Amino acid sequence: MNRELSPHIQFPEPMLTFHPNGTSDTDIHPLRGLLRHGPISSDLLPVPIKLATIAPHREGARLHRFVEELAAEQRPRERTEYLPVWPGFEEVFRAGLDLPGGNCDIELDPSVDRELRESETPHTALSKHLVRAINQLRTARADFDIVLIYLPNSWEPGFKGSGNDDFDLHDYLKAVTAALGIPIQVINETGAMVYSCRASVAWHVGLALYAKAGGVPWKLAGADPELAHIGISYAMRPQSADGPRFVTCCSQIFDEAGAGIEFIAYDAHEFEMRRDNPFLSRNEMFRVMTRSMELYRHRHAGRYPKRVMVHKTSEFKREEIAGCMEALHLCEAVDLVQISEDIAWRGVKYDVDRRTSKLGPAQFPIDRGTLATLRHYDALLWTHGDVRGISHNRAFFKGGAGTPRPLLLTRHAGHGSWDATAQAILGLTKMNWNNDALYDNLPVTISYAKVLARVIKHMPTLSRIPYQFRFFM
């Protein structure tokens, strides 16, 4: 048995652009790029961004102070090799934050705390009060862009369901408000309100607010204009008393630069369960891909992309491959790639010691962007690892500890080298606008799929029109 890997290659850190033309105002560091150039949509987003609030009784002022804090300078106390000074929301995004007040501010009744203590199902009681407040805000919908919801520690018994109930308050609220077309930002007392590094909080919440308002902070620079990315996820809907369990299929569509995030969701009835994973029939997969292409063509003047990359975490069965190929037959190239995260592979970087001229373990881990081919249809891609050009020091390793594990890429359809496929996946790890990190370990096609699967199962009905992902962030 040959135990040697084929020669590996290492791709440079993907460049981001902060200019609409996609070729200028670039940086590999998302936050540094925002400070230097401003966001892509700085001239397109209505300003200021208006915030409505929902808070406990007599806690509305605390939420207002939190918003005012976002307008002030905050210096980092952690991740100082990566995190820049936060100069204030308007200085970063070229747009201010506004609190209209009046009907846009709601404080819940003081009886909520007592109900949570006395109720056998506190999550039901709390969600009822919050949904009632959200519906009350609908009468003032023209006066705000985003709703801030403050959840204090005292309400924690209502955050999760009890026993076998998989209720999650955060996901439930996202499901309710997404159906209403209202973006929300949940502020937990244990998190954003009291976290010690206020710069970290400001960057994280500030990015989320800007994206949820419809802003575009950055895109991938130099992206192939003829390439489209599709991510597929499945949500197992609870079995009703008088009906079968069924699967909700979600398909996201991203343009060549990793933006333009929309998705469709519908209940699939032709599927097979294997090892707790649903696999669609040929007809169901054909419908999913056809609707995804309709989304893409609607955003691109009716044209098809020349190349499509489809990602999911489970394998593509023969029937699914056939359905994809039938729906995407007008595209010149189709890549169906399974992306596996929980694998046993690890890697250690070796350098030559200058003093002894001997080979030994390097001081830093494997470089991010390293690709090693296993077989013609399998490859390892390190999306987590050492990055140059971020810190004043020689290297930057997010998290600072541990041995980074690669992603296992398995190509079920497609041909040619792994280079273009791996580079596209690497770029998509930098397109999560709900995170202030340099990158995620997973591309957004997969990380967003996980979010959708969690939230969609709480939605009682699904619309046939596309959803914008900003309502689910």
Protein backbone atom coordinates (compact mmCIF):
# COMPACT_ATOMS: atom_id res chain seq x y z
CA MET A 1 0.00 0.00 0.00
CA ASN A 2 1.33 3.42 -0.97
CA ARG A 3 1.29 5.62 2.14
CA GLU A 4 2.59 8.75 0.41
CA LEU A 5 0.26 11.58 -0.55
CA SER A 6 0.52 13.15 -3.96
CA PRO A 7 2.41 16.48 -4.03
CA HIS A 8 0.45 19.23 -2.31
CA ILE A 9 -0.05 22.83 -3.35
CA GLN A 10 -0.89 25.93 -1.34
CA PHE A 11 -3.26 28.63 -2.57
CA PRO A 12 -2.82 32.26 -1.53
CA GLU A 13 -5.29 33.78 0.90
CA PRO A 14 -8.39 34.86 -1.09
CA MET A 15 -8.61 38.60 -1.69
CA LEU A 16 -11.75 40.56 -0.83
CA THR A 17 -12.99 43.59 -2.70
CA PHE A 18 -14.73 46.61 -1.22
CA HIS A 19 -15.59 48.22 -4.56
CA PRO A 20 -18.59 47.42 -6.80
CA ASN A 21 -16.41 46.67 -9.83
CA GLY A 22 -14.83 43.78 -7.93
CA THR A 23 -11.22 44.51 -8.90
CA SER A 24 -10.08 47.49 -6.83
CA ASP A 25 -10.05 48.47 -3.13
CA THR A 26 -8.92 45.02 -2.03
CA ASP A 27 -7.55 43.41 1.13
CA ILE A 28 -7.28 39.90 2.55
CA HIS A 29 -8.35 41.21 5.98
CA PRO A 30 -12.13 41.93 6.01
CA LEU A 31 -12.13 44.38 8.91
CA ARG A 32 -9.01 46.22 7.79
CA GLY A 33 -10.52 46.48 4.32
CA LEU A 34 -13.71 48.02 5.71
CA LEU A 35 -11.72 50.64 7.61
CA ARG A 36 -9.64 51.52 4.56
CA HIS A 37 -12.27 51.42 1.85
CA GLY A 38 -15.74 51.22 3.38
CA PRO A 39 -18.38 48.64 2.39
CA ILE A 40 -19.35 47.88 -1.20
CA SER A 41 -22.90 49.19 -0.76
CA SER A 42 -21.97 52.42 1.04
CA ASP A 43 -23.70 54.52 -1.65
CA LEU A 44 -26.69 52.21 -2.10
CA LEU A 45 -28.10 51.59 1.38
CA PRO A 46 -30.69 54.04 2.77
CA VAL A 47 -29.29 55.77 5.83
CA PRO A 48 -29.55 55.89 8.76
CA ILE A 49 -30.37 52.29 9.71
CA LYS A 50 -33.40 52.47 12.00
CA LEU A 51 -33.69 50.13 14.98
CA ALA A 52 -36.82 49.09 16.84
CA THR A 53 -36.43 47.47 20.27
CA ILE A 54 -38.10 44.82 22.41
CA ALA A 55 -36.90 44.62 26.00
CA PRO A 56 -38.04 43.48 29.47
CA HIS A 57 -39.97 45.88 31.66
CA ARG A 58 -37.84 48.95 32.48
CA GLU A 59 -34.87 47.57 30.48
CA GLY A 60 -35.42 49.52 27.26
CA ALA A 61 -32.95 52.21 28.32
CA ARG A 62 -30.23 49.57 28.71
CA LEU A 63 -30.76 48.45 25.12
CA HIS A 64 -30.58 52.08 23.96
CA ARG A 65 -27.27 52.51 25.76
CA PHE A 66 -25.97 49.42 23.97
CA VAL A 67 -26.81 51.01 20.61
CA GLU A 68 -25.12 54.25 21.65
CA GLU A 69 -22.04 52.23 22.56
CA LEU A 70 -21.85 51.00 18.95
CA ALA A 71 -21.42 54.61 17.84
CA ALA A 72 -18.33 55.11 20.03
CA GLU A 73 -14.72 54.00 19.69
CA GLN A 74 -13.84 50.64 21.26
CA ARG A 75 -10.32 49.28 21.63
CA PRO A 76 -9.73 45.51 21.46
CA ARG A 77 -8.75 43.54 24.56
CA GLU A 78 -8.49 40.19 22.76
CA ARG A 79 -7.28 38.92 19.36
CA THR A 80 -5.15 42.06 19.20
CA GLU A 81 -3.03 40.62 16.37
CA TYR A 82 -6.21 40.54 14.23
CA LEU A 83 -8.90 42.81 15.66
CA PRO A 84 -8.52 46.53 14.80
CA VAL A 85 -9.88 49.42 16.82
CA TRP A 86 -13.62 49.91 16.34
CA PRO A 87 -13.98 53.63 15.48
CA GLY A 88 -17.80 53.69 15.58
CA PHE A 89 -20.54 52.27 13.38
CA GLU A 90 -20.81 55.27 11.08
CA GLU A 91 -17.04 55.49 10.56
CA VAL A 92 -16.93 51.82 9.50
CA PHE A 93 -20.07 51.54 7.37
CA ARG A 94 -20.66 55.14 6.23
CA ALA A 95 -24.14 54.86 7.75
CA GLY A 96 -25.47 55.80 11.16
CA LEU A 97 -27.79 54.00 13.56
CA ASP A 98 -31.05 55.62 14.62
CA LEU A 99 -33.55 54.80 17.37
CA PRO A 100 -36.89 56.27 16.23
CA GLY A 101 -38.53 55.59 19.62
CA GLY A 102 -42.28 55.92 20.11
CA ASN A 103 -44.14 52.92 18.70
CA CYS A 104 -40.80 51.34 17.74
CA ASP A 105 -39.87 50.74 21.40
CA ILE A 106 -41.67 47.99 23.30
CA GLU A 107 -41.15 46.88 26.89
CA LEU A 108 -42.83 43.64 27.89
CA ASP A 109 -45.24 43.43 30.78
CA PRO A 110 -43.62 42.82 34.21
CA SER A 111 -45.75 39.68 34.58
CA VAL A 112 -43.44 37.84 32.14
CA ASP A 113 -40.95 36.95 34.89
CA ARG A 114 -43.67 35.52 37.12
CA GLU A 115 -45.17 33.49 34.25
CA LEU A 116 -41.78 32.00 33.43
CA ARG A 117 -41.28 30.94 37.05
CA GLU A 118 -44.73 29.37 37.37
CA SER A 119 -45.20 27.83 33.91
CA GLU A 120 -44.49 24.14 33.24
CA THR A 121 -43.50 25.18 29.70
CA PRO A 122 -41.67 28.51 30.15
CA HIS A 123 -40.49 28.51 26.53
CA THR A 124 -44.12 28.60 25.39
CA ALA A 125 -44.95 31.51 27.69
CA LEU A 126 -41.89 33.55 26.70
CA SER A 127 -42.27 32.97 22.96
CA LYS A 128 -45.93 33.99 23.19
CA HIS A 129 -45.05 37.37 24.71
CA LEU A 130 -42.23 38.02 22.24
CA VAL A 131 -44.33 37.13 19.19
CA ARG A 132 -47.09 39.40 20.46
CA ALA A 133 -44.58 42.26 20.71
CA ILE A 134 -43.27 41.54 17.20
CA ASN A 135 -46.80 41.66 15.80
CA GLN A 136 -47.35 44.94 17.64
CA LEU A 137 -44.30 46.39 15.88
CA ARG A 138 -45.77 45.50 12.49
CA THR A 139 -48.04 48.54 12.77
CA ALA A 140 -44.90 50.73 12.65
CA ARG A 141 -43.05 48.65 10.01
CA ALA A 142 -42.28 51.66 7.83
CA ASP A 143 -40.38 53.31 10.69
CA PHE A 144 -37.66 50.69 11.30
CA ASP A 145 -35.28 48.36 9.46
CA ILE A 146 -34.24 45.87 12.17
CA VAL A 147 -35.63 44.81 15.55
CA LEU A 148 -33.28 44.39 18.52
CA ILE A 149 -34.56 41.85 21.07
CA TYR A 150 -32.93 41.87 24.50
CA LEU A 151 -33.02 38.58 26.43
CA PRO A 152 -31.87 38.85 30.08
CA ASN A 153 -30.43 35.97 32.07
CA SER A 154 -33.61 35.72 34.15
CA TRP A 155 -35.49 34.49 31.05
CA GLU A 156 -33.09 31.60 30.42
CA PRO A 157 -35.65 28.89 31.42
CA GLY A 158 -37.61 29.91 28.31
CA PHE A 159 -34.72 29.64 25.85
CA LYS A 160 -34.99 25.87 25.28
CA GLY A 161 -37.73 23.26 25.30
CA SER A 162 -37.95 20.58 27.96
CA GLY A 163 -37.56 16.84 27.57
CA ASN A 164 -37.73 15.71 23.95
CA ASP A 165 -38.93 19.10 22.74
CA ASP A 166 -36.14 20.49 20.50
CA PHE A 167 -37.51 24.05 20.74
CA ASP A 168 -34.88 26.80 20.48
CA LEU A 169 -36.10 30.34 21.14
CA HIS A 170 -33.53 32.01 18.89
CA ASP A 171 -34.38 29.79 15.91
CA TYR A 172 -38.10 30.04 16.58
CA LEU A 173 -37.99 33.85 16.58
CA LYS A 174 -36.01 33.77 13.31
CA ALA A 175 -38.66 31.52 11.77
CA VAL A 176 -41.50 33.81 12.86
CA THR A 177 -39.87 37.06 11.76
CA ALA A 178 -38.51 35.67 8.48
CA ALA A 179 -42.05 34.79 7.46
CA LEU A 180 -42.99 38.43 8.20
CA GLY A 181 -40.00 39.89 6.36
CA ILE A 182 -38.56 41.45 9.54
CA PRO A 183 -34.84 41.05 10.31
CA ILE A 184 -33.98 40.75 14.00
CA GLN A 185 -30.85 40.87 16.14
CA VAL A 186 -31.04 38.97 19.43
CA ILE A 187 -28.94 40.49 22.23
CA ASN A 188 -28.26 38.11 25.12
CA GLU A 189 -27.24 39.50 28.49
CA THR A 190 -24.56 36.82 28.91
CA GLY A 191 -23.11 37.67 25.51
CA ALA A 192 -23.16 41.09 23.91
CA MET A 193 -24.28 43.01 26.98
CA VAL A 194 -21.49 42.01 29.36
CA TYR A 195 -18.69 40.53 27.23
CA SER A 196 -15.38 42.03 28.31
CA CYS A 197 -13.97 42.97 24.88
CA ARG A 198 -16.34 45.66 23.65
CA ALA A 199 -14.49 46.02 20.35
CA SER A 200 -15.19 42.36 19.60
CA VAL A 201 -18.88 42.87 20.39
CA ALA A 202 -19.04 46.01 18.25
CA TRP A 203 -17.45 44.36 15.21
CA HIS A 204 -19.63 41.26 15.48
CA VAL A 205 -22.94 43.03 16.08
CA GLY A 206 -22.09 45.92 13.74
CA LEU A 207 -21.43 43.59 10.79
CA ALA A 208 -24.62 41.67 11.48
CA LEU A 209 -26.75 44.82 11.64
CA TYR A 210 -25.31 46.18 8.41
CA ALA A 211 -25.91 42.92 6.53
CA LYS A 212 -29.40 42.47 7.98
CA ALA A 213 -30.31 45.96 6.81
CA GLY A 214 -29.49 44.83 3.26
CA GLY A 215 -25.90 46.06 3.10
CA VAL A 216 -23.05 44.26 1.33
CA PRO A 217 -19.79 44.63 3.31
CA TRP A 218 -17.46 42.88 0.84
CA LYS A 219 -17.26 40.32 -1.96
CA LEU A 220 -14.59 38.04 -3.36
CA ALA A 221 -12.18 39.86 -5.67
CA GLY A 222 -11.43 38.57 -9.13
CA ALA A 223 -14.19 35.95 -9.04
CA ASP A 224 -15.20 34.06 -12.18
CA PRO A 225 -18.29 35.89 -13.50
CA GLU A 226 -19.56 32.68 -15.11
CA LEU A 227 -19.55 30.60 -11.90
CA ALA A 228 -22.48 29.96 -9.56
CA HIS A 229 -22.44 28.20 -6.18
CA ILE A 230 -25.35 26.18 -4.83
CA GLY A 231 -25.59 24.78 -1.32
CA ILE A 232 -28.14 22.10 -0.46
CA SER A 233 -29.41 21.27 3.01
CA TYR A 234 -32.25 19.23 4.47
CA ALA A 235 -34.40 19.84 7.53
CA MET A 236 -36.28 16.96 9.10
CA ARG A 237 -39.74 18.25 9.90
CA PRO A 238 -41.44 16.80 13.01
CA GLN A 239 -43.87 13.98 12.41
CA SER A 240 -47.47 15.03 12.97
CA ALA A 241 -49.93 12.82 14.81
CA ASP A 242 -51.83 11.89 11.66
CA GLY A 243 -49.16 12.28 8.99
CA PRO A 244 -45.74 11.03 7.94
CA ARG A 245 -42.45 12.67 8.72
CA PHE A 246 -41.16 14.64 5.78
CA VAL A 247 -38.13 16.56 4.59
CA THR A 248 -37.80 20.24 3.83
CA CYS A 249 -35.18 20.84 1.18
CA CYS A 250 -33.31 24.16 1.13
CA SER A 251 -31.24 25.29 -1.81
CA GLN A 252 -29.11 28.44 -1.65
CA ILE A 253 -27.76 30.27 -4.66
CA PHE A 254 -24.62 32.43 -4.54
CA ASP A 255 -23.24 34.45 -7.41
CA GLU A 256 -19.63 34.24 -8.56
CA ALA A 257 -18.41 36.56 -5.77
CA GLY A 258 -20.14 34.63 -3.00
CA ALA A 259 -22.90 37.19 -2.54
CA GLY A 260 -26.47 37.42 -3.84
CA ILE A 261 -27.61 35.04 -1.13
CA GLU A 262 -31.14 33.75 -1.67
CA PHE A 263 -32.69 30.39 -1.11
CA ILE A 264 -35.76 28.31 -1.73
CA ALA A 265 -37.35 25.83 0.64
CA TYR A 266 -40.11 23.32 0.05
CA ASP A 267 -41.33 20.03 1.43
CA ALA A 268 -39.95 17.05 -0.47
CA HIS A 269 -42.03 13.88 -0.57
CA GLU A 270 -39.89 11.64 -2.79
CA PHE A 271 -36.87 10.75 -0.68
CA GLU A 272 -35.07 7.81 0.90
CA MET A 273 -33.54 7.73 4.40
CA ARG A 274 -30.09 6.17 4.80
CA ARG A 275 -28.15 6.44 8.07
CA ASP A 276 -30.41 9.32 9.16
CA ASN A 277 -29.63 11.24 5.95
CA PRO A 278 -32.35 11.97 3.38
CA PHE A 279 -31.58 11.45 -0.31
CA LEU A 280 -33.89 12.89 -2.95
CA SER A 281 -35.35 11.12 -5.92
CA ARG A 282 -34.31 12.15 -9.42
CA ASN A 283 -37.51 14.16 -9.85
CA GLU A 284 -37.13 16.00 -6.52
CA MET A 285 -33.50 16.91 -7.21
CA PHE A 286 -34.48 18.09 -10.69
CA ARG A 287 -37.07 20.42 -9.12
CA VAL A 288 -34.55 21.78 -6.60
CA MET A 289 -31.90 22.54 -9.23
CA THR A 290 -34.43 23.97 -11.68
CA ARG A 291 -35.76 26.42 -9.09
CA SER A 292 -32.20 27.35 -8.10
CA MET A 293 -31.41 28.18 -11.72
CA GLU A 294 -34.56 30.28 -11.90
CA LEU A 295 -33.24 32.31 -8.98
CA TYR A 296 -29.87 32.77 -10.64
CA ARG A 297 -31.33 33.74 -14.01
CA HIS A 298 -33.65 36.25 -12.37
CA ARG A 299 -30.58 38.03 -10.93
CA HIS A 300 -28.51 37.74 -14.12
CA ALA A 301 -30.78 38.96 -16.93
CA GLY A 302 -31.99 35.49 -17.84
CA ARG A 303 -28.60 33.91 -18.56
CA TYR A 304 -27.30 30.61 -17.25
CA PRO A 305 -23.90 30.33 -15.59
CA LYS A 306 -21.27 28.47 -17.58
CA ARG A 307 -20.17 26.56 -14.50
CA VAL A 308 -22.08 25.43 -11.41
CA MET A 309 -20.67 24.01 -8.17
CA VAL A 310 -23.14 22.21 -5.91
CA HIS A 311 -22.15 21.50 -2.28
CA LYS A 312 -23.72 19.33 0.39
CA THR A 313 -22.45 17.40 3.40
CA SER A 314 -23.83 13.99 2.42
CA GLU A 315 -22.92 12.02 -0.67
CA PHE A 316 -24.71 12.47 -3.99
CA LYS A 317 -26.61 9.29 -4.83
CA ARG A 318 -27.03 8.18 -8.43
CA GLU A 319 -30.61 9.45 -8.62
CA GLU A 320 -29.56 12.86 -7.26
CA ILE A 321 -26.70 13.13 -9.74
CA ALA A 322 -29.08 12.35 -12.60
CA GLY A 323 -31.54 14.99 -11.40
CA CYS A 324 -28.79 17.62 -11.15
CA MET A 325 -27.43 16.88 -14.61
CA GLU A 326 -30.87 16.98 -16.17
CA ALA A 327 -31.66 20.38 -14.63
CA LEU A 328 -28.22 21.89 -15.35
CA HIS A 329 -27.74 20.53 -18.87
CA LEU A 330 -27.39 24.04 -20.34
CA CYS A 331 -24.33 24.72 -18.17
CA GLU A 332 -20.96 23.83 -19.66
CA ALA A 333 -19.55 22.31 -16.44
CA VAL A 334 -21.17 20.95 -13.28
CA ASP A 335 -19.27 19.95 -10.13
CA LEU A 336 -21.10 18.01 -7.41
CA VAL A 337 -18.92 18.13 -4.30
CA GLN A 338 -19.50 16.51 -0.92
CA ILE A 339 -17.80 18.48 1.88
CA SER A 340 -17.05 16.46 5.01
CA GLU A 341 -15.88 18.16 8.19
CA ASP A 342 -15.70 15.42 10.83
CA ILE A 343 -12.84 13.29 9.52
CA ALA A 344 -9.79 11.61 11.05
CA TRP A 345 -7.18 13.20 8.78
CA ARG A 346 -4.62 15.56 10.34
CA GLY A 347 -1.45 17.09 9.03
CA VAL A 348 1.75 18.50 10.53
CA LYS A 349 4.00 20.97 8.77
CA TYR A 350 7.75 20.25 8.71
CA ASP A 351 10.55 22.74 8.14
CA VAL A 352 14.31 22.41 7.78
CA ASP A 353 16.14 23.56 10.90
CA ARG A 354 18.67 26.18 9.79
CA ARG A 355 21.15 25.17 12.47
CA THR A 356 21.13 21.41 11.97
CA SER A 357 19.81 21.21 8.37
CA LYS A 358 17.49 18.48 9.59
CA LEU A 359 13.76 18.19 8.96
CA GLY A 360 11.52 18.74 11.99
CA PRO A 361 8.07 19.96 13.06
CA ALA A 362 7.51 23.62 12.17
CA GLN A 363 6.72 26.32 14.71
CA PHE A 364 3.35 26.99 13.07
CA PRO A 365 0.66 24.66 11.67
CA ILE A 366 -0.04 23.81 8.05
CA ASP A 367 -0.73 26.82 5.85
CA ARG A 368 -4.36 27.64 5.23
CA GLY A 369 -5.16 26.93 1.58
CA THR A 370 -3.09 23.73 1.41
CA LEU A 371 -4.57 21.12 -0.96
CA ALA A 372 -3.51 17.46 -1.08
CA THR A 373 -5.11 15.04 -3.53
CA LEU A 374 -5.88 11.56 -2.20
CA ARG A 375 -7.42 10.00 -5.27
CA HIS A 376 -8.86 11.33 -8.48
CA TYR A 377 -12.17 12.09 -6.75
CA ASP A 378 -10.97 12.84 -3.16
CA ALA A 379 -8.87 15.70 -1.81
CA LEU A 380 -7.99 17.32 1.51
CA LEU A 381 -8.28 21.11 1.82
CA TRP A 382 -7.01 22.97 4.87
CA THR A 383 -9.37 25.92 5.32
CA HIS A 384 -7.95 26.46 8.81
CA GLY A 385 -4.26 27.08 9.36
CA ASP A 386 -1.40 29.56 9.20
CA VAL A 387 -2.04 32.83 7.30
CA ARG A 388 0.53 35.46 6.33
CA GLY A 389 -0.17 39.17 5.92
CA ILE A 390 -2.55 39.56 8.85
CA SER A 391 -0.40 40.10 11.90
CA HIS A 392 2.75 42.17 12.32
CA ASN A 393 4.35 38.90 13.37
CA ARG A 394 5.44 36.20 10.95
CA ALA A 395 2.19 34.27 11.00
CA PHE A 396 -1.43 34.31 12.13
CA PHE A 397 -3.27 31.20 13.33
CA LYS A 398 -6.89 31.79 14.26
CA GLY A 399 -7.58 30.43 17.72
CA GLY A 400 -3.87 30.10 18.41
CA ALA A 401 -3.93 26.44 19.48
CA GLY A 402 -4.64 22.93 18.27
CA THR A 403 -3.91 21.03 15.09
CA PRO A 404 -6.16 22.17 12.24
CA ARG A 405 -8.15 19.45 10.55
CA PRO A 406 -8.79 19.61 6.80
CA LEU A 407 -12.04 19.27 4.92
CA LEU A 408 -12.50 16.14 2.86
CA LEU A 409 -13.75 17.03 -0.62
CA THR A 410 -15.35 14.23 -2.63
CA ARG A 411 -16.31 14.98 -6.21
CA HIS A 412 -19.32 12.95 -7.37
CA ALA A 413 -19.47 14.68 -10.75
CA GLY A 414 -17.11 16.95 -12.64
CA HIS A 415 -13.70 16.70 -14.16
CA GLY A 416 -10.33 18.44 -14.38
CA SER A 417 -7.93 19.40 -11.61
CA TRP A 418 -8.99 20.25 -8.08
CA ASP A 419 -7.52 23.75 -8.25
CA ALA A 420 -10.59 25.75 -9.27
CA THR A 421 -12.91 23.75 -7.01
CA ALA A 422 -10.67 24.14 -3.97
CA GLN A 423 -10.01 27.84 -4.56
CA ALA A 424 -13.75 28.52 -4.84
CA ILE A 425 -14.42 26.70 -1.55
CA LEU A 426 -11.55 28.53 0.14
CA GLY A 427 -12.99 31.87 -0.98
CA LEU A 428 -16.45 31.00 0.31
CA THR A 429 -15.03 30.51 3.81
CA LYS A 430 -14.60 34.32 3.91
CA MET A 431 -18.16 35.23 2.93
CA ASN A 432 -19.98 34.94 6.27
CA TRP A 433 -21.19 38.48 6.99
CA ASN A 434 -22.52 37.36 10.38
CA ASN A 435 -19.01 36.87 11.74
CA ASP A 436 -16.06 39.18 12.33
CA ALA A 437 -13.45 36.41 11.89
CA LEU A 438 -10.94 36.26 9.05
CA TYR A 439 -12.62 33.08 7.84
CA ASP A 440 -14.85 30.17 8.83
CA ASN A 441 -13.69 26.59 8.56
CA LEU A 442 -16.66 25.81 6.29
CA PRO A 443 -17.74 27.62 3.11
CA VAL A 444 -20.96 29.61 3.43
CA THR A 445 -22.73 27.13 1.17
CA ILE A 446 -22.44 24.64 4.05
CA SER A 447 -22.40 26.90 7.15
CA TYR A 448 -25.53 28.74 6.00
CA ALA A 449 -27.13 25.39 5.17
CA LYS A 450 -26.81 24.42 8.82
CA VAL A 451 -28.54 27.64 9.90
CA LEU A 452 -31.37 27.12 7.42
CA ALA A 453 -31.92 23.53 8.52
CA ARG A 454 -32.28 24.66 12.15
CA VAL A 455 -34.67 27.53 11.46
CA ILE A 456 -36.82 26.13 8.67
CA LYS A 457 -38.20 23.28 10.76
CA HIS A 458 -39.88 25.87 13.02
CA MET A 459 -41.77 27.48 10.14
CA PRO A 460 -45.36 26.18 9.95
CA THR A 461 -45.73 27.08 6.27
CA LEU A 462 -43.26 27.73 3.47
CA SER A 463 -43.57 30.37 0.79
CA ARG A 464 -42.92 29.58 -2.86
CA ILE A 465 -41.14 32.91 -3.30
CA PRO A 466 -37.40 33.02 -2.55
CA TYR A 467 -36.20 33.97 0.92
CA GLN A 468 -33.38 36.42 1.57
CA PHE A 469 -30.85 34.93 3.93
CA ARG A 470 -30.50 38.18 5.90
CA PHE A 471 -33.78 37.32 7.66
CA PHE A 472 -32.22 34.09 9.00
CA MET A 473 -28.82 35.46 10.10
